[in-house]
C-alpha atoms as a PDB file:
ATOM      1  CA  UNK A   1     169.095 129.295  84.043  1.00  0.00           C
ATOM      2  CA  UNK A   2     169.677 132.531  82.198  1.00  0.00           C
ATOM      3  CA  UNK A   3     170.318 135.645  84.225  1.00  0.00           C
ATOM      4  CA  UNK A   4     167.227 137.692  84.994  1.00  0.00           C
ATOM      5  CA  UNK A   5     164.843 134.740  84.675  1.00  0.00           C
ATOM      6  CA  UNK A   6     161.734 135.237  86.819  1.00  0.00           C
ATOM      7  CA  UNK A   7     161.671 131.580  87.816  1.00  0.00           C
ATOM      8  CA  UNK A   8     162.949 130.751  91.322  1.00  0.00           C
ATOM      9  CA  UNK A   9     166.470 129.398  91.474  1.00  0.00           C
ATOM     10  CA  UNK A  10     166.711 125.690  92.184  1.00  0.00           C
ATOM     11  CA  UNK A  11     169.017 125.277  95.177  1.00  0.00           C
ATOM     12  CA  UNK A  12     171.429 122.301  95.038  1.00  0.00           C
ATOM     13  CA  UNK A  13     170.274 119.166  96.827  1.00  0.00           C
ATOM     14  CA  UNK A  14     173.058 119.300  99.405  1.00  0.00           C
ATOM     15  CA  UNK A  15     171.843 122.618 100.787  1.00  0.00           C
ATOM     16  CA  UNK A  16     169.633 123.040 103.813  1.00  0.00           C
ATOM     17  CA  UNK A  17     165.924 122.623 102.917  1.00  0.00           C
ATOM     18  CA  UNK A  18     164.961 125.612 105.046  1.00  0.00           C
ATOM     19  CA  UNK A  19     167.530 127.805 103.308  1.00  0.00           C
ATOM     20  CA  UNK A  20     166.158 126.632  99.951  1.00  0.00           C
ATOM     21  CA  UNK A  21     162.607 127.630 100.862  1.00  0.00           C
ATOM     22  CA  UNK A  22     163.646 131.000 102.292  1.00  0.00           C
ATOM     23  CA  UNK A  23     165.993 131.726  99.391  1.00  0.00           C
ATOM     24  CA  UNK A  24     163.321 131.067  96.773  1.00  0.00           C
ATOM     25  CA  UNK A  25     160.647 133.023  98.631  1.00  0.00           C
ATOM     26  CA  UNK A  26     162.772 136.069  99.417  1.00  0.00           C
ATOM     27  CA  UNK A  27     164.405 136.165  95.994  1.00  0.00           C
ATOM     28  CA  UNK A  28     160.989 136.477  94.373  1.00  0.00           C
ATOM     29  CA  UNK A  29     160.212 139.468  96.598  1.00  0.00           C
ATOM     30  CA  UNK A  30     163.297 141.383  97.904  1.00  0.00           C
ATOM     31  CA  UNK A  31     161.075 143.386 100.253  1.00  0.00           C
ATOM     32  CA  UNK A  32     160.754 140.260 102.363  1.00  0.00           C
ATOM     33  CA  UNK A  33     164.506 140.303 102.869  1.00  0.00           C
ATOM     34  CA  UNK A  34     164.340 143.797 104.349  1.00  0.00           C
ATOM     35  CA  UNK A  35     161.470 142.780 106.614  1.00  0.00           C
ATOM     36  CA  UNK A  36     163.443 139.729 107.747  1.00  0.00           C
ATOM     37  CA  UNK A  37     166.612 141.747 108.389  1.00  0.00           C
ATOM     38  CA  UNK A  38     164.755 144.485 110.262  1.00  0.00           C
ATOM     39  CA  UNK A  39     162.955 141.902 112.384  1.00  0.00           C
ATOM     40  CA  UNK A  40     166.258 140.218 113.222  1.00  0.00           C
ATOM     41  CA  UNK A  41     167.854 143.539 114.131  1.00  0.00           C
ATOM     42  CA  UNK A  42     164.911 144.482 116.352  1.00  0.00           C
ATOM     43  CA  UNK A  43     165.003 141.092 118.067  1.00  0.00           C
ATOM     44  CA  UNK A  44     168.740 141.159 118.779  1.00  0.00           C
ATOM     45  CA  UNK A  45     168.887 144.813 119.802  1.00  0.00           C
ATOM     46  CA  UNK A  46     165.921 144.230 122.085  1.00  0.00           C
ATOM     47  CA  UNK A  47     167.588 141.159 123.543  1.00  0.00           C
ATOM     48  CA  UNK A  48     170.866 142.984 124.051  1.00  0.00           C
ATOM     49  CA  UNK A  49     169.156 145.980 125.632  1.00  0.00           C
ATOM     50  CA  UNK A  50     167.265 143.674 127.951  1.00  0.00           C
ATOM     51  CA  UNK A  51     170.480 141.978 128.977  1.00  0.00           C
ATOM     52  CA  UNK A  52     172.161 145.304 129.613  1.00  0.00           C
ATOM     53  CA  UNK A  53     169.335 146.570 131.821  1.00  0.00           C
ATOM     54  CA  UNK A  54     169.136 143.221 133.577  1.00  0.00           C
ATOM     55  CA  UNK A  55     172.828 143.357 134.404  1.00  0.00           C
ATOM     56  CA  UNK A  56     172.899 146.949 135.601  1.00  0.00           C
ATOM     57  CA  UNK A  57     169.369 147.531 136.786  1.00  0.00           C
ATOM     58  CA  UNK A  58     169.251 145.027 139.634  1.00  0.00           C
ATOM     59  CA  UNK A  59     169.320 146.410 143.197  1.00  0.00           C
ATOM     60  CA  UNK A  60     172.800 146.326 144.619  1.00  0.00           C
ATOM     61  CA  UNK A  61     174.385 145.373 141.319  1.00  0.00           C
ATOM     62  CA  UNK A  62     177.172 147.947 141.500  1.00  0.00           C
ATOM     63  CA  UNK A  63     178.005 147.155 145.099  1.00  0.00           C
ATOM     64  CA  UNK A  64     178.090 143.451 144.339  1.00  0.00           C
ATOM     65  CA  UNK A  65     180.319 143.997 141.312  1.00  0.00           C
ATOM     66  CA  UNK A  66     182.768 146.154 143.250  1.00  0.00           C
ATOM     67  CA  UNK A  67     182.901 143.793 146.177  1.00  0.00           C
ATOM     68  CA  UNK A  68     183.121 140.578 144.191  1.00  0.00           C
ATOM     69  CA  UNK A  69     186.894 140.309 144.338  1.00  0.00           C
ATOM     70  CA  UNK A  70     186.997 141.143 148.028  1.00  0.00           C
ATOM     71  CA  UNK A  71     184.041 139.174 149.364  1.00  0.00           C
ATOM     72  CA  UNK A  72     183.755 136.378 146.782  1.00  0.00           C
ATOM     73  CA  UNK A  73     180.356 137.425 145.404  1.00  0.00           C
ATOM     74  CA  UNK A  74     179.284 137.711 141.789  1.00  0.00           C
ATOM     75  CA  UNK A  75     177.049 140.404 140.268  1.00  0.00           C
ATOM     76  CA  UNK A  76     173.927 138.521 141.394  1.00  0.00           C
ATOM     77  CA  UNK A  77     175.094 138.416 145.003  1.00  0.00           C
ATOM     78  CA  UNK A  78     175.845 134.687 144.925  1.00  0.00           C
ATOM     79  CA  UNK A  79     178.829 133.362 146.838  1.00  0.00           C
ATOM     80  CA  UNK A  80     181.578 132.021 144.606  1.00  0.00           C
ATOM     81  CA  UNK A  81     183.217 128.793 145.603  1.00  0.00           C
ATOM     82  CA  UNK A  82     186.966 128.290 145.140  1.00  0.00           C
ATOM     83  CA  UNK A  83     186.069 125.941 142.283  1.00  0.00           C
ATOM     84  CA  UNK A  84     184.024 128.562 140.446  1.00  0.00           C
ATOM     85  CA  UNK A  85     184.546 128.192 136.704  1.00  0.00           C
ATOM     86  CA  UNK A  86     184.425 131.930 135.902  1.00  0.00           C
ATOM     87  CA  UNK A  87     187.878 133.333 136.625  1.00  0.00           C
ATOM     88  CA  UNK A  88     189.449 129.957 137.418  1.00  0.00           C
ATOM     89  CA  UNK A  89     192.571 128.817 135.581  1.00  0.00           C
ATOM     90  CA  UNK A  90     190.577 126.263 133.608  1.00  0.00           C
ATOM     91  CA  UNK A  91     187.843 128.788 132.854  1.00  0.00           C
ATOM     92  CA  UNK A  92     190.296 131.422 131.637  1.00  0.00           C
ATOM     93  CA  UNK A  93     192.158 128.876 129.490  1.00  0.00           C
ATOM     94  CA  UNK A  94     188.874 127.768 127.906  1.00  0.00           C
ATOM     95  CA  UNK A  95     187.793 131.365 127.260  1.00  0.00           C
ATOM     96  CA  UNK A  96     191.152 132.358 125.801  1.00  0.00           C
ATOM     97  CA  UNK A  97     191.157 129.338 123.480  1.00  0.00           C
ATOM     98  CA  UNK A  98     187.672 130.258 122.262  1.00  0.00           C
ATOM     99  CA  UNK A  99     188.748 133.841 121.559  1.00  0.00           C
ATOM    100  CA  UNK A 100     191.929 132.703 119.784  1.00  0.00           C
ATOM    101  CA  UNK A 101     190.013 130.283 117.572  1.00  0.00           C
ATOM    102  CA  UNK A 102     187.467 133.008 116.802  1.00  0.00           C
ATOM    103  CA  UNK A 103     190.426 135.208 115.868  1.00  0.00           C
ATOM    104  CA  UNK A 104     191.569 132.657 113.277  1.00  0.00           C
ATOM    105  CA  UNK A 105     188.091 132.587 111.760  1.00  0.00           C
ATOM    106  CA  UNK A 106     187.959 136.395 111.657  1.00  0.00           C
ATOM    107  CA  UNK A 107     191.425 136.555 110.056  1.00  0.00           C
ATOM    108  CA  UNK A 108     190.195 134.226 107.307  1.00  0.00           C
ATOM    109  CA  UNK A 109     187.239 136.557 106.762  1.00  0.00           C
ATOM    110  CA  UNK A 110     189.546 139.577 106.631  1.00  0.00           C
ATOM    111  CA  UNK A 111     191.935 137.862 104.211  1.00  0.00           C
ATOM    112  CA  UNK A 112     189.025 136.876 101.971  1.00  0.00           C
ATOM    113  CA  UNK A 113     187.680 140.426 101.900  1.00  0.00           C
ATOM    114  CA  UNK A 114     191.117 141.970 101.342  1.00  0.00           C
ATOM    115  CA  UNK A 115     191.663 139.660  98.361  1.00  0.00           C
ATOM    116  CA  UNK A 116     188.339 140.879  96.984  1.00  0.00           C
ATOM    117  CA  UNK A 117     189.240 144.519  97.617  1.00  0.00           C
ATOM    118  CA  UNK A 118     192.584 144.129  95.814  1.00  0.00           C
ATOM    119  CA  UNK A 119     190.817 142.577  92.800  1.00  0.00           C
ATOM    120  CA  UNK A 120     193.523 139.914  92.623  1.00  0.00           C
ATOM    121  CA  UNK A 121     192.712 137.267  90.016  1.00  0.00           C
ATOM    122  CA  UNK A 122     195.244 134.873  91.551  1.00  0.00           C
ATOM    123  CA  UNK A 123     193.305 135.020  94.838  1.00  0.00           C
ATOM    124  CA  UNK A 124     189.842 134.585  93.376  1.00  0.00           C
ATOM    125  CA  UNK A 125     189.525 131.300  95.279  1.00  0.00           C
ATOM    126  CA  UNK A 126     189.740 133.231  98.569  1.00  0.00           C
ATOM    127  CA  UNK A 127     186.213 134.567  98.145  1.00  0.00           C
ATOM    128  CA  UNK A 128     184.876 131.261  99.503  1.00  0.00           C
ATOM    129  CA  UNK A 129     186.897 131.585 102.704  1.00  0.00           C
ATOM    130  CA  UNK A 130     184.415 134.079 104.144  1.00  0.00           C
ATOM    131  CA  UNK A 131     181.324 131.828 104.157  1.00  0.00           C
ATOM    132  CA  UNK A 132     183.452 128.859 105.230  1.00  0.00           C
ATOM    133  CA  UNK A 133     184.852 130.835 108.172  1.00  0.00           C
ATOM    134  CA  UNK A 134     181.421 132.148 109.181  1.00  0.00           C
ATOM    135  CA  UNK A 135     179.868 128.682 109.092  1.00  0.00           C
ATOM    136  CA  UNK A 136     182.816 127.228 111.008  1.00  0.00           C
ATOM    137  CA  UNK A 137     182.510 129.966 113.615  1.00  0.00           C
ATOM    138  CA  UNK A 138     178.769 129.359 113.865  1.00  0.00           C
ATOM    139  CA  UNK A 139     179.257 125.629 114.440  1.00  0.00           C
ATOM    140  CA  UNK A 140     181.872 126.252 117.112  1.00  0.00           C
ATOM    141  CA  UNK A 141     179.788 128.844 118.968  1.00  0.00           C
ATOM    142  CA  UNK A 142     176.598 126.799 118.856  1.00  0.00           C
ATOM    143  CA  UNK A 143     178.372 123.696 120.180  1.00  0.00           C
ATOM    144  CA  UNK A 144     181.442 124.677 122.219  1.00  0.00           C
ATOM    145  CA  UNK A 145     181.033 128.337 123.214  1.00  0.00           C
ATOM    146  CA  UNK A 146     180.297 127.519 126.878  1.00  0.00           C
ATOM    147  CA  UNK A 147     181.399 124.404 128.740  1.00  0.00           C
ATOM    148  CA  UNK A 148     178.189 124.178 130.789  1.00  0.00           C
ATOM    149  CA  UNK A 149     175.775 124.831 127.903  1.00  0.00           C
ATOM    150  CA  UNK A 150     173.955 122.405 125.635  1.00  0.00           C
ATOM    151  CA  UNK A 151     175.036 120.232 123.837  1.00  0.00           C
ATOM    152  CA  UNK A 152     178.337 119.593 125.657  1.00  0.00           C
ATOM    153  CA  UNK A 153     177.355 120.711 129.172  1.00  0.00           C
ATOM    154  CA  UNK A 154     174.776 119.786 131.812  1.00  0.00           C
ATOM    155  CA  UNK A 155     172.308 122.520 130.788  1.00  0.00           C
ATOM    156  CA  UNK A 156     169.405 121.454 128.595  1.00  0.00           C
ATOM    157  CA  UNK A 157     168.547 123.016 125.245  1.00  0.00           C
ATOM    158  CA  UNK A 158     165.802 125.114 126.861  1.00  0.00           C
ATOM    159  CA  UNK A 159     168.062 126.243 129.718  1.00  0.00           C
ATOM    160  CA  UNK A 160     170.765 127.205 127.230  1.00  0.00           C
ATOM    161  CA  UNK A 161     168.668 129.190 124.746  1.00  0.00           C
ATOM    162  CA  UNK A 162     165.911 130.433 127.057  1.00  0.00           C
ATOM    163  CA  UNK A 163     167.688 130.633 130.406  1.00  0.00           C
ATOM    164  CA  UNK A 164     168.985 133.566 132.444  1.00  0.00           C
ATOM    165  CA  UNK A 165     172.713 133.254 131.701  1.00  0.00           C
ATOM    166  CA  UNK A 166     173.366 136.407 129.669  1.00  0.00           C
ATOM    167  CA  UNK A 167     176.831 135.356 128.534  1.00  0.00           C
ATOM    168  CA  UNK A 168     175.588 132.059 127.107  1.00  0.00           C
ATOM    169  CA  UNK A 169     172.635 133.769 125.408  1.00  0.00           C
ATOM    170  CA  UNK A 170     174.922 136.241 123.669  1.00  0.00           C
ATOM    171  CA  UNK A 171     177.328 133.527 122.521  1.00  0.00           C
ATOM    172  CA  UNK A 172     174.454 131.546 121.019  1.00  0.00           C
ATOM    173  CA  UNK A 173     173.038 134.724 119.419  1.00  0.00           C
ATOM    174  CA  UNK A 174     176.424 135.285 117.751  1.00  0.00           C
ATOM    175  CA  UNK A 175     176.352 131.682 116.557  1.00  0.00           C
ATOM    176  CA  UNK A 176     172.885 132.003 115.028  1.00  0.00           C
ATOM    177  CA  UNK A 177     173.823 135.275 113.340  1.00  0.00           C
ATOM    178  CA  UNK A 178     177.029 133.768 111.934  1.00  0.00           C
ATOM    179  CA  UNK A 179     175.043 130.781 110.626  1.00  0.00           C
ATOM    180  CA  UNK A 180     172.456 132.970 108.890  1.00  0.00           C
ATOM    181  CA  UNK A 181     174.997 135.363 107.357  1.00  0.00           C
ATOM    182  CA  UNK A 182     177.323 132.499 106.414  1.00  0.00           C
ATOM    183  CA  UNK A 183     174.551 130.824 104.414  1.00  0.00           C
ATOM    184  CA  UNK A 184     173.629 134.111 102.749  1.00  0.00           C
ATOM    185  CA  UNK A 185     177.246 134.786 101.762  1.00  0.00           C
ATOM    186  CA  UNK A 186     177.662 131.220 100.506  1.00  0.00           C
ATOM    187  CA  UNK A 187     174.668 131.510  98.199  1.00  0.00           C
ATOM    188  CA  UNK A 188     175.714 135.012  97.157  1.00  0.00           C
ATOM    189  CA  UNK A 189     179.151 133.789  96.114  1.00  0.00           C
ATOM    190  CA  UNK A 190     177.551 130.903  94.232  1.00  0.00           C
ATOM    191  CA  UNK A 191     175.494 133.514  92.348  1.00  0.00           C
ATOM    192  CA  UNK A 192     172.289 132.187  93.866  1.00  0.00           C
ATOM    193  CA  UNK A 193     171.432 135.523  95.472  1.00  0.00           C
ATOM    194  CA  UNK A 194     172.199 138.442  93.169  1.00  0.00           C
ATOM    195  CA  UNK A 195     169.949 141.200  94.504  1.00  0.00           C
ATOM    196  CA  UNK A 196     171.936 144.179  95.822  1.00  0.00           C
ATOM    197  CA  UNK A 197     170.073 143.940  99.118  1.00  0.00           C
ATOM    198  CA  UNK A 198     171.937 140.758  99.976  1.00  0.00           C
ATOM    199  CA  UNK A 199     175.075 142.861 100.474  1.00  0.00           C
ATOM    200  CA  UNK A 200     173.530 144.276 103.655  1.00  0.00           C
ATOM    201  CA  UNK A 201     173.424 141.305 106.099  1.00  0.00           C
ATOM    202  CA  UNK A 202     177.236 140.954 106.374  1.00  0.00           C
ATOM    203  CA  UNK A 203     178.021 144.551 107.467  1.00  0.00           C
ATOM    204  CA  UNK A 204     174.832 144.534 109.526  1.00  0.00           C
ATOM    205  CA  UNK A 205     176.140 141.444 111.331  1.00  0.00           C
ATOM    206  CA  UNK A 206     179.412 143.242 112.071  1.00  0.00           C
ATOM    207  CA  UNK A 207     177.599 146.295 113.438  1.00  0.00           C
ATOM    208  CA  UNK A 208     175.087 144.337 115.541  1.00  0.00           C
ATOM    209  CA  UNK A 209     177.861 142.127 116.884  1.00  0.00           C
ATOM    210  CA  UNK A 210     179.909 145.197 117.764  1.00  0.00           C
ATOM    211  CA  UNK A 211     177.010 146.830 119.597  1.00  0.00           C
ATOM    212  CA  UNK A 212     176.319 143.627 121.519  1.00  0.00           C
ATOM    213  CA  UNK A 213     179.923 143.561 122.727  1.00  0.00           C
ATOM    214  CA  UNK A 214     179.336 146.724 124.751  1.00  0.00           C
ATOM    215  CA  UNK A 215     176.878 144.770 126.918  1.00  0.00           C
ATOM    216  CA  UNK A 216     178.824 141.496 126.941  1.00  0.00           C
ATOM    217  CA  UNK A 217     179.667 140.507 130.513  1.00  0.00           C
ATOM    218  CA  UNK A 218     181.873 137.809 132.028  1.00  0.00           C
ATOM    219  CA  UNK A 219     180.117 138.004 135.396  1.00  0.00           C
ATOM    220  CA  UNK A 220     182.371 137.938 138.454  1.00  0.00           C
ATOM    221  CA  UNK A 221     185.582 137.485 136.493  1.00  0.00           C
ATOM    222  CA  UNK A 222     188.577 138.993 138.370  1.00  0.00           C
ATOM    223  CA  UNK A 223     189.695 140.689 135.129  1.00  0.00           C
ATOM    224  CA  UNK A 224     186.202 141.999 134.306  1.00  0.00           C
ATOM    225  CA  UNK A 225     187.370 145.588 133.702  1.00  0.00           C
ATOM    226  CA  UNK A 226     190.165 144.484 131.359  1.00  0.00           C
ATOM    227  CA  UNK A 227     187.756 142.259 129.431  1.00  0.00           C
ATOM    228  CA  UNK A 228     185.158 145.045 129.221  1.00  0.00           C
ATOM    229  CA  UNK A 229     187.775 147.411 127.769  1.00  0.00           C
ATOM    230  CA  UNK A 230     188.850 144.754 125.262  1.00  0.00           C
ATOM    231  CA  UNK A 231     185.245 144.256 124.175  1.00  0.00           C
ATOM    232  CA  UNK A 232     184.644 148.010 123.916  1.00  0.00           C
ATOM    233  CA  UNK A 233     187.627 148.429 121.579  1.00  0.00           C
ATOM    234  CA  UNK A 234     186.600 145.432 119.504  1.00  0.00           C
ATOM    235  CA  UNK A 235     182.987 146.628 119.395  1.00  0.00           C
ATOM    236  CA  UNK A 236     184.091 150.041 118.139  1.00  0.00           C
ATOM    237  CA  UNK A 237     186.214 148.427 115.426  1.00  0.00           C
ATOM    238  CA  UNK A 238     183.333 146.153 114.398  1.00  0.00           C
ATOM    239  CA  UNK A 239     180.839 149.017 114.100  1.00  0.00           C
ATOM    240  CA  UNK A 240     183.400 151.037 112.114  1.00  0.00           C
ATOM    241  CA  UNK A 241     184.091 148.058 109.857  1.00  0.00           C
ATOM    242  CA  UNK A 242     180.409 147.457 109.165  1.00  0.00           C
ATOM    243  CA  UNK A 243     179.884 151.132 108.385  1.00  0.00           C
ATOM    244  CA  UNK A 244     182.816 151.045 105.954  1.00  0.00           C
ATOM    245  CA  UNK A 245     181.372 148.008 104.194  1.00  0.00           C
ATOM    246  CA  UNK A 246     178.026 149.756 103.800  1.00  0.00           C
ATOM    247  CA  UNK A 247     179.833 152.809 102.421  1.00  0.00           C
ATOM    248  CA  UNK A 248     181.618 150.588  99.888  1.00  0.00           C
ATOM    249  CA  UNK A 249     178.243 149.482  98.534  1.00  0.00           C
ATOM    250  CA  UNK A 250     177.455 153.107  97.667  1.00  0.00           C
ATOM    251  CA  UNK A 251     177.525 153.735  93.940  1.00  0.00           C
ATOM    252  CA  UNK A 252     180.368 155.965  92.849  1.00  0.00           C
ATOM    253  CA  UNK A 253     182.254 158.047  95.420  1.00  0.00           C
ATOM    254  CA  UNK A 254     181.089 158.260  99.018  1.00  0.00           C
ATOM    255  CA  UNK A 255     182.519 161.035 101.238  1.00  0.00           C
ATOM    256  CA  UNK A 256     185.354 161.551  98.765  1.00  0.00           C
ATOM    257  CA  UNK A 257     186.480 157.910  98.809  1.00  0.00           C
ATOM    258  CA  UNK A 258     186.070 155.339  96.063  1.00  0.00           C
ATOM    259  CA  UNK A 259     184.363 152.005  96.605  1.00  0.00           C
ATOM    260  CA  UNK A 260     187.687 150.160  96.467  1.00  0.00           C
ATOM    261  CA  UNK A 261     189.153 152.280  99.248  1.00  0.00           C
ATOM    262  CA  UNK A 262     186.150 151.667 101.528  1.00  0.00           C
ATOM    263  CA  UNK A 263     186.456 147.921 100.853  1.00  0.00           C
ATOM    264  CA  UNK A 264     190.105 148.005 101.921  1.00  0.00           C
ATOM    265  CA  UNK A 265     189.207 149.868 105.122  1.00  0.00           C
ATOM    266  CA  UNK A 266     186.543 147.257 105.855  1.00  0.00           C
ATOM    267  CA  UNK A 267     188.946 144.366 105.270  1.00  0.00           C
ATOM    268  CA  UNK A 268     191.731 146.040 107.245  1.00  0.00           C
ATOM    269  CA  UNK A 269     189.497 146.583 110.278  1.00  0.00           C
ATOM    270  CA  UNK A 270     188.326 142.961 110.147  1.00  0.00           C
ATOM    271  CA  UNK A 271     191.959 141.823 110.090  1.00  0.00           C
ATOM    272  CA  UNK A 272     192.695 144.092 113.052  1.00  0.00           C
ATOM    273  CA  UNK A 273     189.822 142.529 115.014  1.00  0.00           C
ATOM    274  CA  UNK A 274     191.167 139.088 114.125  1.00  0.00           C
ATOM    275  CA  UNK A 275     194.628 139.905 115.482  1.00  0.00           C
ATOM    276  CA  UNK A 276     193.080 141.409 118.610  1.00  0.00           C
ATOM    277  CA  UNK A 277     191.192 138.161 119.229  1.00  0.00           C
ATOM    278  CA  UNK A 278     194.257 136.074 118.407  1.00  0.00           C
ATOM    279  CA  UNK A 279     196.241 137.755 121.197  1.00  0.00           C
ATOM    280  CA  UNK A 280     193.332 137.983 123.647  1.00  0.00           C
ATOM    281  CA  UNK A 281     194.356 137.343 127.247  1.00  0.00           C
ATOM    282  CA  UNK A 282     192.542 137.380 130.569  1.00  0.00           C
END
């Protein structure tokens, strides 16, 4: 099909049918993309705000959190057994492995974006690493993010995605976001989505993910303060990275910096987040 043709692009047969329908519909009317993105942002910010208030707005929450290490209670006032998964050796090992694997995915994303920023023809193949890493991360989060969650744990699908475990809900939200953005970036790199608006979901994902980290809780974990600080630093880096990527999309010079320089800042911050995750420890 020639560039600029008004006909909808025919998505390859191996692609997801739903993505094909959405891609054709939104491509014909870019305004729908903005409506979809804004709706997703509102949903996730609302969810994250609800989780934050739920965690800190319950009666006696602060007292329970402070006394958890001394009296064996979590932030809901429930007694923790010696075999409690959260904070146990097995639980910490599982969590650290998840963070380290996520770090590898993020490093691949950062490497892909740095290759793009450097305009290296010998690394042109690296542009496909970003969607591959996002889709791999999405698959891992949706399946293995939590040992007790569906589909590998005892919790059902409904209990996993519509239950009251805030940590599980956030992990699955990250997985769904990574899946959506990974598909968008895949089609964008295959020249199936060429509207400038499709540049927005990736940095928006980084910024939303960073904001969500400020409310991410590991419950009654003995190293809760250390983990919260780690997430705050990573959240700040993610929001800064997303902002830099948006600035790089600005035509010409933005705040005295060229587009190429903003792209390098974006890629560098993503690499920094990847290394932080790679050396994550509880």
